[in-house]
Amino acid sequence: MREIKQIVVHCTAGNQRQKATDVVYFHTGPKSKGCYGWSAPGYHYIVEADGTIVATWPEDKISNGVKGFDDTSINVCWTGGIDLTKPKPYPSIDNRTPAQKAALLKLLTELKRRYPSAKIMGHRDFSEDKNHNGIIDPWERIKDCPCFDAMVEYKNIRP
């Protein structure tokens, strides 16, 4: 089994009506069809808008969630994260449904029990602290993903 050091929360930066199968296909489908063509999806789990938790990749296998950290990460994603009511480029937004919030809490609690020493964090928390002030400022983020502060929101989850 892999040594899991991080449980990473992501958003799809897409429509909340996306299904897990759509996201997996976008990651693993052929480049000729506009997909990434990866050999593995980006996430181990995807939480759909209705709160359905879909296991998309085995935990003992490496997914493509955070470049350079995938070998020690479990990647969890929720569908959504952009404000489709605004003009392109769509701004990021925490538009998780109540069902997604509940399902994420349940899933992350289960994962924390399985991997008690793993730190729960957002994809954006892997950004470099360029001004060395001890925090990742919004302008330093490689991505806004997951569009909320996962480290703060889930800090009380215990094994």
N, C-alpha and C. Protein backbone atom coordinates (compact mmCIF):
# COMPACT_ATOMS: atom_id res chain seq x y z
N MET A 1 0.84 -1.19 0.00
CA MET A 1 0.00 0.00 0.00
C MET A 1 0.88 1.25 0.00
N ARG A 2 0.40 2.28 -0.65
CA ARG A 2 1.12 3.55 -0.69
C ARG A 2 1.07 4.24 0.66
N GLU A 3 2.07 5.06 0.95
CA GLU A 3 2.04 5.91 2.14
C GLU A 3 1.28 7.18 1.78
N ILE A 4 0.15 7.41 2.42
CA ILE A 4 -0.69 8.56 2.11
C ILE A 4 -0.38 9.68 3.10
N LYS A 5 0.12 10.80 2.57
CA LYS A 5 0.46 11.96 3.40
C LYS A 5 -0.56 13.09 3.27
N GLN A 6 -1.30 13.11 2.16
CA GLN A 6 -2.27 14.17 1.90
C GLN A 6 -3.57 13.59 1.39
N ILE A 7 -4.67 14.16 1.84
CA ILE A 7 -5.98 13.94 1.25
C ILE A 7 -6.33 15.29 0.63
N VAL A 8 -6.35 15.33 -0.69
CA VAL A 8 -6.44 16.61 -1.40
C VAL A 8 -7.85 16.81 -1.95
N VAL A 9 -8.42 17.98 -1.65
CA VAL A 9 -9.75 18.35 -2.11
C VAL A 9 -9.62 19.21 -3.36
N HIS A 10 -10.41 18.88 -4.37
CA HIS A 10 -10.42 19.58 -5.65
C HIS A 10 -11.86 19.94 -6.03
N CYS A 11 -12.00 20.81 -7.03
CA CYS A 11 -13.27 20.99 -7.72
C CYS A 11 -13.02 20.74 -9.20
N THR A 12 -14.07 20.47 -9.95
CA THR A 12 -13.89 20.20 -11.38
C THR A 12 -13.71 21.48 -12.19
N ALA A 13 -14.04 22.64 -11.60
CA ALA A 13 -14.04 23.90 -12.34
C ALA A 13 -14.92 23.76 -13.58
N GLY A 14 -16.04 23.11 -13.36
CA GLY A 14 -17.00 22.89 -14.43
C GLY A 14 -18.41 23.01 -13.92
N ASN A 15 -19.32 22.58 -14.73
CA ASN A 15 -20.74 22.64 -14.43
C ASN A 15 -21.09 21.66 -13.32
N GLN A 16 -21.96 22.04 -12.41
CA GLN A 16 -22.38 21.14 -11.35
C GLN A 16 -23.21 19.97 -11.86
N ARG A 17 -23.70 20.06 -13.07
CA ARG A 17 -24.47 18.95 -13.64
C ARG A 17 -23.56 17.85 -14.18
N GLN A 18 -22.24 18.09 -14.14
CA GLN A 18 -21.31 17.05 -14.59
C GLN A 18 -21.51 15.78 -13.77
N LYS A 19 -21.32 14.67 -14.40
CA LYS A 19 -21.32 13.38 -13.72
C LYS A 19 -19.87 12.91 -13.62
N ALA A 20 -19.62 12.05 -12.67
CA ALA A 20 -18.27 11.52 -12.47
C ALA A 20 -17.75 10.87 -13.75
N THR A 21 -18.62 10.17 -14.46
CA THR A 21 -18.19 9.52 -15.70
C THR A 21 -17.70 10.54 -16.73
N ASP A 22 -18.34 11.72 -16.76
CA ASP A 22 -17.90 12.78 -17.68
C ASP A 22 -16.50 13.27 -17.34
N VAL A 23 -16.24 13.43 -16.05
CA VAL A 23 -14.94 13.93 -15.60
C VAL A 23 -13.85 12.90 -15.89
N VAL A 24 -14.13 11.64 -15.59
CA VAL A 24 -13.16 10.57 -15.85
C VAL A 24 -12.86 10.48 -17.34
N TYR A 25 -13.91 10.57 -18.16
CA TYR A 25 -13.69 10.53 -19.61
C TYR A 25 -12.84 11.72 -20.07
N PHE A 26 -13.09 12.90 -19.55
CA PHE A 26 -12.29 14.07 -19.93
C PHE A 26 -10.81 13.86 -19.59
N HIS A 27 -10.54 13.19 -18.49
CA HIS A 27 -9.15 12.93 -18.10
C HIS A 27 -8.51 11.82 -18.92
N THR A 28 -9.26 10.76 -19.20
CA THR A 28 -8.67 9.55 -19.78
C THR A 28 -9.01 9.33 -21.25
N GLY A 29 -9.94 10.10 -21.77
CA GLY A 29 -10.32 9.92 -23.17
C GLY A 29 -9.23 10.41 -24.12
N PRO A 30 -9.38 10.11 -25.40
CA PRO A 30 -8.33 10.45 -26.38
C PRO A 30 -8.18 11.96 -26.60
N LYS A 31 -6.95 12.37 -26.79
CA LYS A 31 -6.66 13.78 -27.07
C LYS A 31 -7.37 14.23 -28.34
N SER A 32 -7.54 13.33 -29.28
CA SER A 32 -8.21 13.67 -30.54
C SER A 32 -9.66 14.08 -30.32
N LYS A 33 -10.22 13.73 -29.16
CA LYS A 33 -11.60 14.11 -28.81
C LYS A 33 -11.62 15.28 -27.83
N GLY A 34 -10.46 15.95 -27.64
CA GLY A 34 -10.39 17.09 -26.74
C GLY A 34 -10.16 16.73 -25.29
N CYS A 35 -9.79 15.49 -25.03
CA CYS A 35 -9.55 15.03 -23.66
C CYS A 35 -8.05 15.07 -23.35
N TYR A 36 -7.70 14.81 -22.10
CA TYR A 36 -6.29 14.85 -21.69
C TYR A 36 -5.49 13.62 -22.14
N GLY A 37 -6.14 12.47 -22.27
CA GLY A 37 -5.45 11.26 -22.68
C GLY A 37 -4.58 10.64 -21.59
N TRP A 38 -4.88 10.94 -20.34
CA TRP A 38 -4.11 10.39 -19.22
C TRP A 38 -4.40 8.90 -19.06
N SER A 39 -3.47 8.18 -18.46
CA SER A 39 -3.69 6.75 -18.20
C SER A 39 -4.51 6.53 -16.92
N ALA A 40 -4.62 7.55 -16.09
CA ALA A 40 -5.41 7.47 -14.86
C ALA A 40 -6.19 8.78 -14.69
N PRO A 41 -7.36 8.70 -14.08
CA PRO A 41 -8.11 9.94 -13.84
C PRO A 41 -7.42 10.80 -12.78
N GLY A 42 -7.92 12.01 -12.61
CA GLY A 42 -7.33 12.94 -11.66
C GLY A 42 -7.73 12.69 -10.22
N TYR A 43 -8.79 11.93 -10.01
CA TYR A 43 -9.34 11.82 -8.66
C TYR A 43 -9.69 10.38 -8.32
N HIS A 44 -9.58 10.06 -7.05
CA HIS A 44 -10.02 8.75 -6.56
C HIS A 44 -11.52 8.74 -6.31
N TYR A 45 -12.05 9.90 -5.92
CA TYR A 45 -13.48 10.04 -5.63
C TYR A 45 -13.99 11.35 -6.21
N ILE A 46 -15.23 11.31 -6.71
CA ILE A 46 -15.90 12.52 -7.18
C ILE A 46 -17.26 12.59 -6.50
N VAL A 47 -17.58 13.77 -5.96
CA VAL A 47 -18.86 14.00 -5.29
C VAL A 47 -19.73 14.83 -6.24
N GLU A 48 -20.82 14.22 -6.68
CA GLU A 48 -21.73 14.89 -7.60
C GLU A 48 -22.67 15.83 -6.84
N ALA A 49 -23.37 16.67 -7.56
CA ALA A 49 -24.21 17.72 -6.96
C ALA A 49 -25.27 17.16 -6.01
N ASP A 50 -25.77 15.97 -6.28
CA ASP A 50 -26.80 15.39 -5.41
C ASP A 50 -26.21 14.69 -4.18
N GLY A 51 -24.88 14.75 -4.03
CA GLY A 51 -24.22 14.14 -2.90
C GLY A 51 -23.73 12.72 -3.14
N THR A 52 -23.96 12.20 -4.33
CA THR A 52 -23.48 10.86 -4.64
C THR A 52 -21.96 10.86 -4.66
N ILE A 53 -21.37 9.93 -3.92
CA ILE A 53 -19.93 9.76 -3.89
C ILE A 53 -19.59 8.63 -4.85
N VAL A 54 -18.78 8.94 -5.87
CA VAL A 54 -18.43 7.94 -6.87
C VAL A 54 -16.93 7.64 -6.74
N ALA A 55 -16.62 6.37 -6.48
CA ALA A 55 -15.22 5.93 -6.46
C ALA A 55 -14.80 5.75 -7.92
N THR A 56 -13.79 6.52 -8.34
CA THR A 56 -13.39 6.51 -9.74
C THR A 56 -12.03 5.87 -9.99
N TRP A 57 -11.28 5.60 -8.92
CA TRP A 57 -9.94 5.03 -9.07
C TRP A 57 -9.58 4.36 -7.74
N PRO A 58 -8.95 3.19 -7.77
CA PRO A 58 -8.59 2.52 -6.51
C PRO A 58 -7.59 3.35 -5.69
N GLU A 59 -7.78 3.36 -4.38
CA GLU A 59 -6.90 4.14 -3.50
C GLU A 59 -5.46 3.67 -3.54
N ASP A 60 -5.23 2.41 -3.87
CA ASP A 60 -3.85 1.91 -3.90
C ASP A 60 -3.13 2.28 -5.20
N LYS A 61 -3.83 2.93 -6.10
CA LYS A 61 -3.23 3.37 -7.37
C LYS A 61 -3.09 4.89 -7.37
N ILE A 62 -2.10 5.38 -8.08
CA ILE A 62 -1.82 6.82 -8.17
C ILE A 62 -2.73 7.47 -9.20
N SER A 63 -3.39 8.54 -8.80
CA SER A 63 -4.21 9.33 -9.73
C SER A 63 -3.42 10.57 -10.14
N ASN A 64 -4.01 11.41 -10.97
CA ASN A 64 -3.34 12.60 -11.49
C ASN A 64 -3.92 13.88 -10.90
N GLY A 65 -3.84 14.06 -9.59
CA GLY A 65 -4.47 15.21 -8.94
C GLY A 65 -3.58 16.42 -8.75
N VAL A 66 -2.37 16.22 -8.21
CA VAL A 66 -1.45 17.33 -7.94
C VAL A 66 -0.06 16.90 -8.39
N LYS A 67 0.39 17.50 -9.47
CA LYS A 67 1.69 17.13 -10.04
C LYS A 67 2.79 17.20 -8.96
N GLY A 68 3.54 16.11 -8.85
CA GLY A 68 4.63 16.03 -7.91
C GLY A 68 4.24 15.48 -6.54
N PHE A 69 2.94 15.30 -6.30
CA PHE A 69 2.47 14.81 -4.99
C PHE A 69 1.53 13.62 -5.11
N ASP A 70 1.27 13.17 -6.32
CA ASP A 70 0.27 12.12 -6.51
C ASP A 70 0.62 10.80 -5.85
N ASP A 71 1.90 10.50 -5.74
CA ASP A 71 2.28 9.20 -5.16
C ASP A 71 1.94 9.10 -3.68
N THR A 72 1.74 10.23 -3.01
CA THR A 72 1.41 10.22 -1.58
C THR A 72 0.04 10.84 -1.29
N SER A 73 -0.81 10.95 -2.31
CA SER A 73 -2.10 11.64 -2.14
C SER A 73 -3.29 10.77 -2.51
N ILE A 74 -4.38 11.01 -1.80
CA ILE A 74 -5.71 10.57 -2.22
C ILE A 74 -6.40 11.84 -2.69
N ASN A 75 -6.92 11.82 -3.90
CA ASN A 75 -7.54 13.01 -4.50
C ASN A 75 -9.06 12.87 -4.54
N VAL A 76 -9.73 13.87 -3.96
CA VAL A 76 -11.18 13.91 -3.84
C VAL A 76 -11.67 15.18 -4.53
N CYS A 77 -12.75 15.07 -5.29
CA CYS A 77 -13.23 16.22 -6.06
C CYS A 77 -14.73 16.37 -5.94
N TRP A 78 -15.18 17.62 -6.05
CA TRP A 78 -16.62 17.88 -6.14
C TRP A 78 -16.90 18.55 -7.48
N THR A 79 -18.07 18.27 -8.06
CA THR A 79 -18.42 18.86 -9.36
C THR A 79 -18.92 20.28 -9.15
N GLY A 80 -18.35 21.20 -9.90
CA GLY A 80 -18.70 22.61 -9.80
C GLY A 80 -17.45 23.43 -9.57
N GLY A 81 -17.66 24.67 -9.12
CA GLY A 81 -16.54 25.53 -8.80
C GLY A 81 -16.39 26.75 -9.68
N ILE A 82 -17.30 26.90 -10.65
CA ILE A 82 -17.27 28.12 -11.46
C ILE A 82 -18.66 28.74 -11.49
N ASP A 83 -18.68 30.05 -11.66
CA ASP A 83 -19.93 30.79 -11.70
C ASP A 83 -20.36 30.98 -13.15
N LEU A 84 -21.27 30.12 -13.60
CA LEU A 84 -21.72 30.15 -14.99
C LEU A 84 -22.64 31.32 -15.30
N THR A 85 -23.03 32.09 -14.27
CA THR A 85 -23.88 33.26 -14.50
C THR A 85 -23.07 34.47 -14.94
N LYS A 86 -21.77 34.39 -14.84
CA LYS A 86 -20.86 35.48 -15.21
C LYS A 86 -20.26 35.19 -16.59
N PRO A 87 -19.75 36.21 -17.26
CA PRO A 87 -19.13 35.98 -18.57
C PRO A 87 -17.80 35.24 -18.44
N LYS A 88 -17.38 34.61 -19.55
CA LYS A 88 -16.09 33.94 -19.59
C LYS A 88 -14.98 34.96 -19.48
N PRO A 89 -13.84 34.66 -18.89
CA PRO A 89 -13.58 33.39 -18.22
C PRO A 89 -14.37 33.33 -16.93
N TYR A 90 -15.06 32.21 -16.72
CA TYR A 90 -15.92 32.08 -15.56
C TYR A 90 -15.11 32.19 -14.27
N PRO A 91 -15.55 33.03 -13.35
CA PRO A 91 -14.83 33.13 -12.07
C PRO A 91 -15.09 31.91 -11.19
N SER A 92 -14.12 31.61 -10.34
CA SER A 92 -14.30 30.49 -9.41
C SER A 92 -15.27 30.91 -8.31
N ILE A 93 -15.98 29.92 -7.78
CA ILE A 93 -16.96 30.17 -6.72
C ILE A 93 -17.19 28.86 -5.95
N ASP A 94 -17.40 29.00 -4.66
CA ASP A 94 -17.77 27.84 -3.85
C ASP A 94 -19.27 27.67 -3.98
N ASN A 95 -19.70 26.88 -4.93
CA ASN A 95 -21.12 26.65 -5.16
C ASN A 95 -21.51 25.20 -4.82
N ARG A 96 -20.84 24.63 -3.83
CA ARG A 96 -21.20 23.28 -3.39
C ARG A 96 -22.64 23.28 -2.89
N THR A 97 -23.34 22.24 -3.24
CA THR A 97 -24.70 22.08 -2.74
C THR A 97 -24.63 21.57 -1.29
N PRO A 98 -25.72 21.73 -0.53
CA PRO A 98 -25.73 21.16 0.82
C PRO A 98 -25.42 19.65 0.81
N ALA A 99 -25.92 18.96 -0.21
CA ALA A 99 -25.66 17.51 -0.31
C ALA A 99 -24.17 17.24 -0.55
N GLN A 100 -23.52 18.07 -1.36
CA GLN A 100 -22.08 17.91 -1.59
C GLN A 100 -21.29 18.18 -0.32
N LYS A 101 -21.68 19.22 0.41
CA LYS A 101 -20.97 19.53 1.65
C LYS A 101 -21.06 18.37 2.64
N ALA A 102 -22.26 17.80 2.78
CA ALA A 102 -22.44 16.67 3.69
C ALA A 102 -21.66 15.45 3.22
N ALA A 103 -21.71 15.17 1.93
CA ALA A 103 -21.00 14.00 1.39
C ALA A 103 -19.49 14.16 1.50
N LEU A 104 -18.98 15.36 1.25
CA LEU A 104 -17.54 15.60 1.40
C LEU A 104 -17.10 15.39 2.84
N LEU A 105 -17.87 15.89 3.77
CA LEU A 105 -17.54 15.71 5.18
C LEU A 105 -17.51 14.22 5.54
N LYS A 106 -18.51 13.49 5.09
CA LYS A 106 -18.58 12.04 5.34
C LYS A 106 -17.37 11.33 4.73
N LEU A 107 -17.08 11.61 3.47
CA LEU A 107 -15.98 10.95 2.77
C LEU A 107 -14.63 11.30 3.40
N LEU A 108 -14.41 12.56 3.67
CA LEU A 108 -13.13 12.97 4.27
C LEU A 108 -12.95 12.38 5.66
N THR A 109 -14.03 12.25 6.41
CA THR A 109 -13.96 11.63 7.73
C THR A 109 -13.56 10.16 7.61
N GLU A 110 -14.15 9.46 6.63
CA GLU A 110 -13.78 8.06 6.38
C GLU A 110 -12.31 7.94 5.98
N LEU A 111 -11.88 8.80 5.07
CA LEU A 111 -10.49 8.74 4.60
C LEU A 111 -9.51 9.07 5.72
N LYS A 112 -9.87 10.03 6.56
CA LYS A 112 -8.99 10.39 7.69
C LYS A 112 -8.86 9.22 8.67
N ARG A 113 -9.92 8.44 8.83
CA ARG A 113 -9.83 7.24 9.67
C ARG A 113 -8.86 6.23 9.06
N ARG A 114 -8.91 6.08 7.75
CA ARG A 114 -8.01 5.12 7.07
C ARG A 114 -6.57 5.62 7.02
N TYR A 115 -6.42 6.94 6.92
CA TYR A 115 -5.08 7.54 6.80
C TYR A 115 -4.93 8.61 7.88
N PRO A 116 -4.79 8.21 9.13
CA PRO A 116 -4.83 9.16 10.25
C PRO A 116 -3.73 10.22 10.24
N SER A 117 -2.60 9.94 9.65
CA SER A 117 -1.53 10.94 9.64
C SER A 117 -1.59 11.86 8.41
N ALA A 118 -2.51 11.59 7.50
CA ALA A 118 -2.63 12.41 6.29
C ALA A 118 -3.24 13.78 6.62
N LYS A 119 -2.74 14.78 5.95
CA LYS A 119 -3.23 16.15 6.12
C LYS A 119 -4.29 16.43 5.05
N ILE A 120 -5.44 16.95 5.46
CA ILE A 120 -6.48 17.34 4.50
C ILE A 120 -6.18 18.75 4.02
N MET A 121 -6.08 18.90 2.72
CA MET A 121 -5.75 20.22 2.15
C MET A 121 -6.37 20.36 0.76
N GLY A 122 -6.43 21.59 0.29
CA GLY A 122 -6.93 21.86 -1.05
C GLY A 122 -5.80 21.87 -2.06
N HIS A 123 -6.14 21.69 -3.33
CA HIS A 123 -5.15 21.73 -4.39
C HIS A 123 -4.36 23.04 -4.34
N ARG A 124 -5.06 24.13 -4.06
CA ARG A 124 -4.42 25.44 -4.04
C ARG A 124 -3.35 25.55 -2.96
N ASP A 125 -3.42 24.71 -1.93
CA ASP A 125 -2.45 24.77 -0.83
C ASP A 125 -1.07 24.24 -1.22
N PHE A 126 -0.93 23.72 -2.42
CA PHE A 126 0.37 23.26 -2.91
C PHE A 126 1.12 24.37 -3.64
N SER A 127 0.52 25.53 -3.69
CA SER A 127 1.15 26.69 -4.34
C SER A 127 2.35 27.16 -3.53
N GLU A 128 3.24 27.85 -4.20
CA GLU A 128 4.44 28.39 -3.56
C GLU A 128 4.13 29.71 -2.84
N ASP A 129 4.64 29.85 -1.63
CA ASP A 129 4.52 31.10 -0.87
C ASP A 129 5.61 32.04 -1.38
N LYS A 130 5.31 32.74 -2.47
CA LYS A 130 6.32 33.53 -3.16
C LYS A 130 6.85 34.71 -2.36
N ASN A 131 6.01 35.29 -1.50
CA ASN A 131 6.49 36.44 -0.72
C ASN A 131 6.94 36.03 0.69
N HIS A 132 6.91 34.71 0.96
CA HIS A 132 7.43 34.14 2.22
C HIS A 132 6.79 34.75 3.47
N ASN A 133 5.47 35.00 3.40
CA ASN A 133 4.78 35.55 4.57
C ASN A 133 4.08 34.47 5.39
N GLY A 134 4.26 33.21 5.01
CA GLY A 134 3.70 32.11 5.77
C GLY A 134 2.30 31.70 5.36
N ILE A 135 1.72 32.40 4.39
CA ILE A 135 0.40 32.02 3.87
C ILE A 135 0.43 32.07 2.35
N ILE A 136 -0.47 31.30 1.75
CA ILE A 136 -0.60 31.34 0.29
C ILE A 136 -1.66 32.40 -0.02
N ASP A 137 -1.21 33.55 -0.47
CA ASP A 137 -2.12 34.63 -0.82
C ASP A 137 -2.84 34.28 -2.12
N PRO A 138 -4.03 34.84 -2.34
CA PRO A 138 -4.78 34.52 -3.57
C PRO A 138 -3.96 34.70 -4.85
N TRP A 139 -3.13 35.70 -4.93
CA TRP A 139 -2.35 35.95 -6.15
C TRP A 139 -1.24 34.91 -6.35
N GLU A 140 -0.92 34.12 -5.32
CA GLU A 140 0.13 33.11 -5.41
C GLU A 140 -0.41 31.73 -5.82
N ARG A 141 -1.71 31.56 -5.81
CA ARG A 141 -2.29 30.25 -6.07
C ARG A 141 -2.08 29.80 -7.51
N ILE A 142 -1.68 28.54 -7.64
CA ILE A 142 -1.60 27.95 -8.98
C ILE A 142 -3.00 27.71 -9.53
N LYS A 143 -3.94 27.52 -8.62
CA LYS A 143 -5.35 27.33 -8.95
C LYS A 143 -6.17 27.83 -7.77
N ASP A 144 -7.43 28.19 -8.00
CA ASP A 144 -8.33 28.51 -6.90
C ASP A 144 -8.90 27.23 -6.28
N CYS A 145 -8.80 26.16 -6.99
CA CYS A 145 -9.34 24.86 -6.60
C CYS A 145 -8.94 24.49 -5.17
N PRO A 146 -9.86 24.20 -4.31
CA PRO A 146 -11.26 23.84 -4.53
C PRO A 146 -12.26 24.98 -4.33
N CYS A 147 -11.83 26.24 -4.39
CA CYS A 147 -12.70 27.42 -4.29
C CYS A 147 -13.17 27.71 -2.87
N PHE A 148 -12.55 27.11 -1.89
CA PHE A 148 -12.76 27.41 -0.47
C PHE A 148 -11.53 26.91 0.27
N ASP A 149 -11.38 27.30 1.51
CA ASP A 149 -10.21 26.92 2.29
C ASP A 149 -10.45 25.57 2.97
N ALA A 150 -10.04 24.51 2.30
CA ALA A 150 -10.27 23.15 2.80
C ALA A 150 -9.53 22.89 4.11
N MET A 151 -8.36 23.47 4.27
CA MET A 151 -7.59 23.24 5.50
C MET A 151 -8.34 23.79 6.72
N VAL A 152 -8.97 24.94 6.55
CA VAL A 152 -9.75 25.53 7.65
C VAL A 152 -11.06 24.77 7.84
N GLU A 153 -11.76 24.52 6.75
CA GLU A 153 -13.08 23.89 6.85
C GLU A 153 -13.02 22.50 7.49
N TYR A 154 -11.96 21.75 7.19
CA TYR A 154 -11.90 20.37 7.65
C TYR A 154 -10.86 20.14 8.76
N LYS A 155 -10.42 21.20 9.40
CA LYS A 155 -9.37 21.08 10.42
C LYS A 155 -9.79 20.25 11.62
N ASN A 156 -11.08 20.14 11.88
CA ASN A 156 -11.55 19.41 13.05
C ASN A 156 -11.84 17.93 12.80
N ILE A 157 -11.62 17.48 11.58
CA ILE A 157 -11.81 16.05 11.30
C ILE A 157 -10.67 15.28 11.95
N ARG A 158 -11.03 14.32 12.75
CA ARG A 158 -10.04 13.51 13.48
C ARG A 158 -10.22 12.04 13.10
N PRO A 159 -9.14 11.28 13.22
CA PRO A 159 -9.25 9.83 12.91
C PRO A 159 -10.19 9.09 13.85
